[in-house]
Amino acid sequence: MTERELKVNVEKDLVSQAEEEDMEALLGT
């Protein structure tokens, strides 16, 4: 795995994490 691929994966993880937190905030949990 190249360094670029690694960076893309990390960014995807951060985005999905942020989306989950947004969903929880919307649901009021």
PDB file of N, CA and C in Angstrom:
ATOM      1  N   MET A   1       0.853  -1.204   0.000  1.00  0.00           N
ATOM      2  CA  MET A   1       0.000   0.000   0.000  1.00  0.00           C
ATOM      3  C   MET A   1       0.885   1.248   0.000  1.00  0.00           C
ATOM      4  N   THR A   2       0.575   2.173  -0.870  1.00  0.00           N
ATOM      5  CA  THR A   2       1.393   3.384  -0.953  1.00  0.00           C
ATOM      6  C   THR A   2       0.981   4.395   0.105  1.00  0.00           C
ATOM      7  N   GLU A   3       1.834   5.384   0.293  1.00  0.00           N
ATOM      8  CA  GLU A   3       1.551   6.415   1.291  1.00  0.00           C
ATOM      9  C   GLU A   3       0.292   7.196   0.910  1.00  0.00           C
ATOM     10  N   ARG A   4       0.104   7.391  -0.403  1.00  0.00           N
ATOM     11  CA  ARG A   4      -1.074   8.133  -0.876  1.00  0.00           C
ATOM     12  C   ARG A   4      -2.352   7.367  -0.549  1.00  0.00           C
ATOM     13  N   GLU A   5      -2.339   6.063  -0.797  1.00  0.00           N
ATOM     14  CA  GLU A   5      -3.519   5.234  -0.491  1.00  0.00           C
ATOM     15  C   GLU A   5      -3.826   5.267   0.999  1.00  0.00           C
ATOM     16  N   LEU A   6      -2.766   5.241   1.796  1.00  0.00           N
ATOM     17  CA  LEU A   6      -2.923   5.269   3.242  1.00  0.00           C
ATOM     18  C   LEU A   6      -3.610   6.564   3.661  1.00  0.00           C
ATOM     19  N   LYS A   7      -3.186   7.664   3.062  1.00  0.00           N
ATOM     20  CA  LYS A   7      -3.748   8.977   3.403  1.00  0.00           C
ATOM     21  C   LYS A   7      -5.231   9.033   3.025  1.00  0.00           C
ATOM     22  N   VAL A   8      -5.560   8.477   1.860  1.00  0.00           N
ATOM     23  CA  VAL A   8      -6.956   8.458   1.410  1.00  0.00           C
ATOM     24  C   VAL A   8      -7.814   7.657   2.383  1.00  0.00           C
ATOM     25  N   ASN A   9      -7.295   6.522   2.836  1.00  0.00           N
ATOM     26  CA  ASN A   9      -8.045   5.685   3.773  1.00  0.00           C
ATOM     27  C   ASN A   9      -8.286   6.407   5.083  1.00  0.00           C
ATOM     28  N   VAL A  10      -7.275   7.110   5.571  1.00  0.00           N
ATOM     29  CA  VAL A  10      -7.407   7.850   6.827  1.00  0.00           C
ATOM     30  C   VAL A  10      -8.463   8.936   6.675  1.00  0.00           C
ATOM     31  N   GLU A  11      -8.438   9.629   5.539  1.00  0.00           N
ATOM     32  CA  GLU A  11      -9.422  10.691   5.312  1.00  0.00           C
ATOM     33  C   GLU A  11     -10.829  10.120   5.239  1.00  0.00           C
ATOM     34  N   LYS A  12     -10.995   8.975   4.605  1.00  0.00           N
ATOM     35  CA  LYS A  12     -12.311   8.329   4.526  1.00  0.00           C
ATOM     36  C   LYS A  12     -12.803   7.955   5.918  1.00  0.00           C
ATOM     37  N   ASP A  13     -11.899   7.442   6.748  1.00  0.00           N
ATOM     38  CA  ASP A  13     -12.261   7.081   8.119  1.00  0.00           C
ATOM     39  C   ASP A  13     -12.735   8.310   8.879  1.00  0.00           C
ATOM     40  N   LEU A  14     -12.014   9.424   8.724  1.00  0.00           N
ATOM     41  CA  LEU A  14     -12.376  10.647   9.431  1.00  0.00           C
ATOM     42  C   LEU A  14     -13.738  11.149   8.964  1.00  0.00           C
ATOM     43  N   VAL A  15     -13.979  11.075   7.667  1.00  0.00           N
ATOM     44  CA  VAL A  15     -15.261  11.537   7.124  1.00  0.00           C
ATOM     45  C   VAL A  15     -16.405  10.679   7.648  1.00  0.00           C
ATOM     46  N   SER A  16     -16.254   9.366   7.621  1.00  0.00           N
ATOM     47  CA  SER A  16     -17.331   8.483   8.081  1.00  0.00           C
ATOM     48  C   SER A  16     -17.564   8.659   9.577  1.00  0.00           C
ATOM     49  N   GLN A  17     -16.497   8.923  10.325  1.00  0.00           N
ATOM     50  CA  GLN A  17     -16.628   9.172  11.762  1.00  0.00           C
ATOM     51  C   GLN A  17     -17.426  10.453  11.999  1.00  0.00           C
ATOM     52  N   ALA A  18     -17.105  11.495  11.245  1.00  0.00           N
ATOM     53  CA  ALA A  18     -17.796  12.775  11.390  1.00  0.00           C
ATOM     54  C   ALA A  18     -19.265  12.623  11.010  1.00  0.00           C
ATOM     55  N   GLU A  19     -19.554  11.842   9.970  1.00  0.00           N
ATOM     56  CA  GLU A  19     -20.938  11.633   9.548  1.00  0.00           C
ATOM     57  C   GLU A  19     -21.726  10.908  10.628  1.00  0.00           C
ATOM     58  N   GLU A  20     -21.109   9.922  11.277  1.00  0.00           N
ATOM     59  CA  GLU A  20     -21.791   9.189  12.346  1.00  0.00           C
ATOM     60  C   GLU A  20     -22.125  10.127  13.498  1.00  0.00           C
ATOM     61  N   GLU A  21     -21.192  11.015  13.830  1.00  0.00           N
ATOM     62  CA  GLU A  21     -21.427  11.955  14.922  1.00  0.00           C
ATOM     63  C   GLU A  21     -22.546  12.920  14.555  1.00  0.00           C
ATOM     64  N   ASP A  22     -22.591  13.340  13.279  1.00  0.00           N
ATOM     65  CA  ASP A  22     -23.663  14.222  12.818  1.00  0.00           C
ATOM     66  C   ASP A  22     -25.012  13.524  12.940  1.00  0.00           C
ATOM     67  N   MET A  23     -25.076  12.260  12.560  1.00  0.00           N
ATOM     68  CA  MET A  23     -26.323  11.509  12.642  1.00  0.00           C
ATOM     69  C   MET A  23     -26.791  11.413  14.091  1.00  0.00           C
ATOM     70  N   GLU A  24     -25.862  11.139  14.999  1.00  0.00           N
ATOM     71  CA  GLU A  24     -26.214  11.034  16.413  1.00  0.00           C
ATOM     72  C   GLU A  24     -26.735  12.373  16.925  1.00  0.00           C
ATOM     73  N   ALA A  25     -26.122  13.462  16.487  1.00  0.00           N
ATOM     74  CA  ALA A  25     -26.554  14.789  16.915  1.00  0.00           C
ATOM     75  C   ALA A  25     -27.971  15.061  16.396  1.00  0.00           C
ATOM     76  N   LEU A  26     -28.240  14.658  15.158  1.00  0.00           N
ATOM     77  CA  LEU A  26     -29.566  14.864  14.576  1.00  0.00           C
ATOM     78  C   LEU A  26     -30.622  14.051  15.318  1.00  0.00           C
ATOM     79  N   LEU A  27     -30.244  12.850  15.746  1.00  0.00           N
ATOM     80  CA  LEU A  27     -31.192  11.991  16.454  1.00  0.00           C
ATOM     81  C   LEU A  27     -31.361  12.420  17.909  1.00  0.00           C
ATOM     82  N   GLY A  28     -30.491  13.304  18.364  1.00  0.00           N
ATOM     83  CA  GLY A  28     -30.605  13.815  19.726  1.00  0.00           C
ATOM     84  C   GLY A  28     -30.162  12.824  20.775  1.00  0.00           C
ATOM     85  N   THR A  29     -29.242  11.919  20.418  1.00  0.00           N
ATOM     86  CA  THR A  29     -28.758  10.948  21.400  1.00  0.00           C
ATOM     87  C   THR A  29     -27.510  11.465  22.082  1.00  0.00           C
TER      88      THR A  29
END
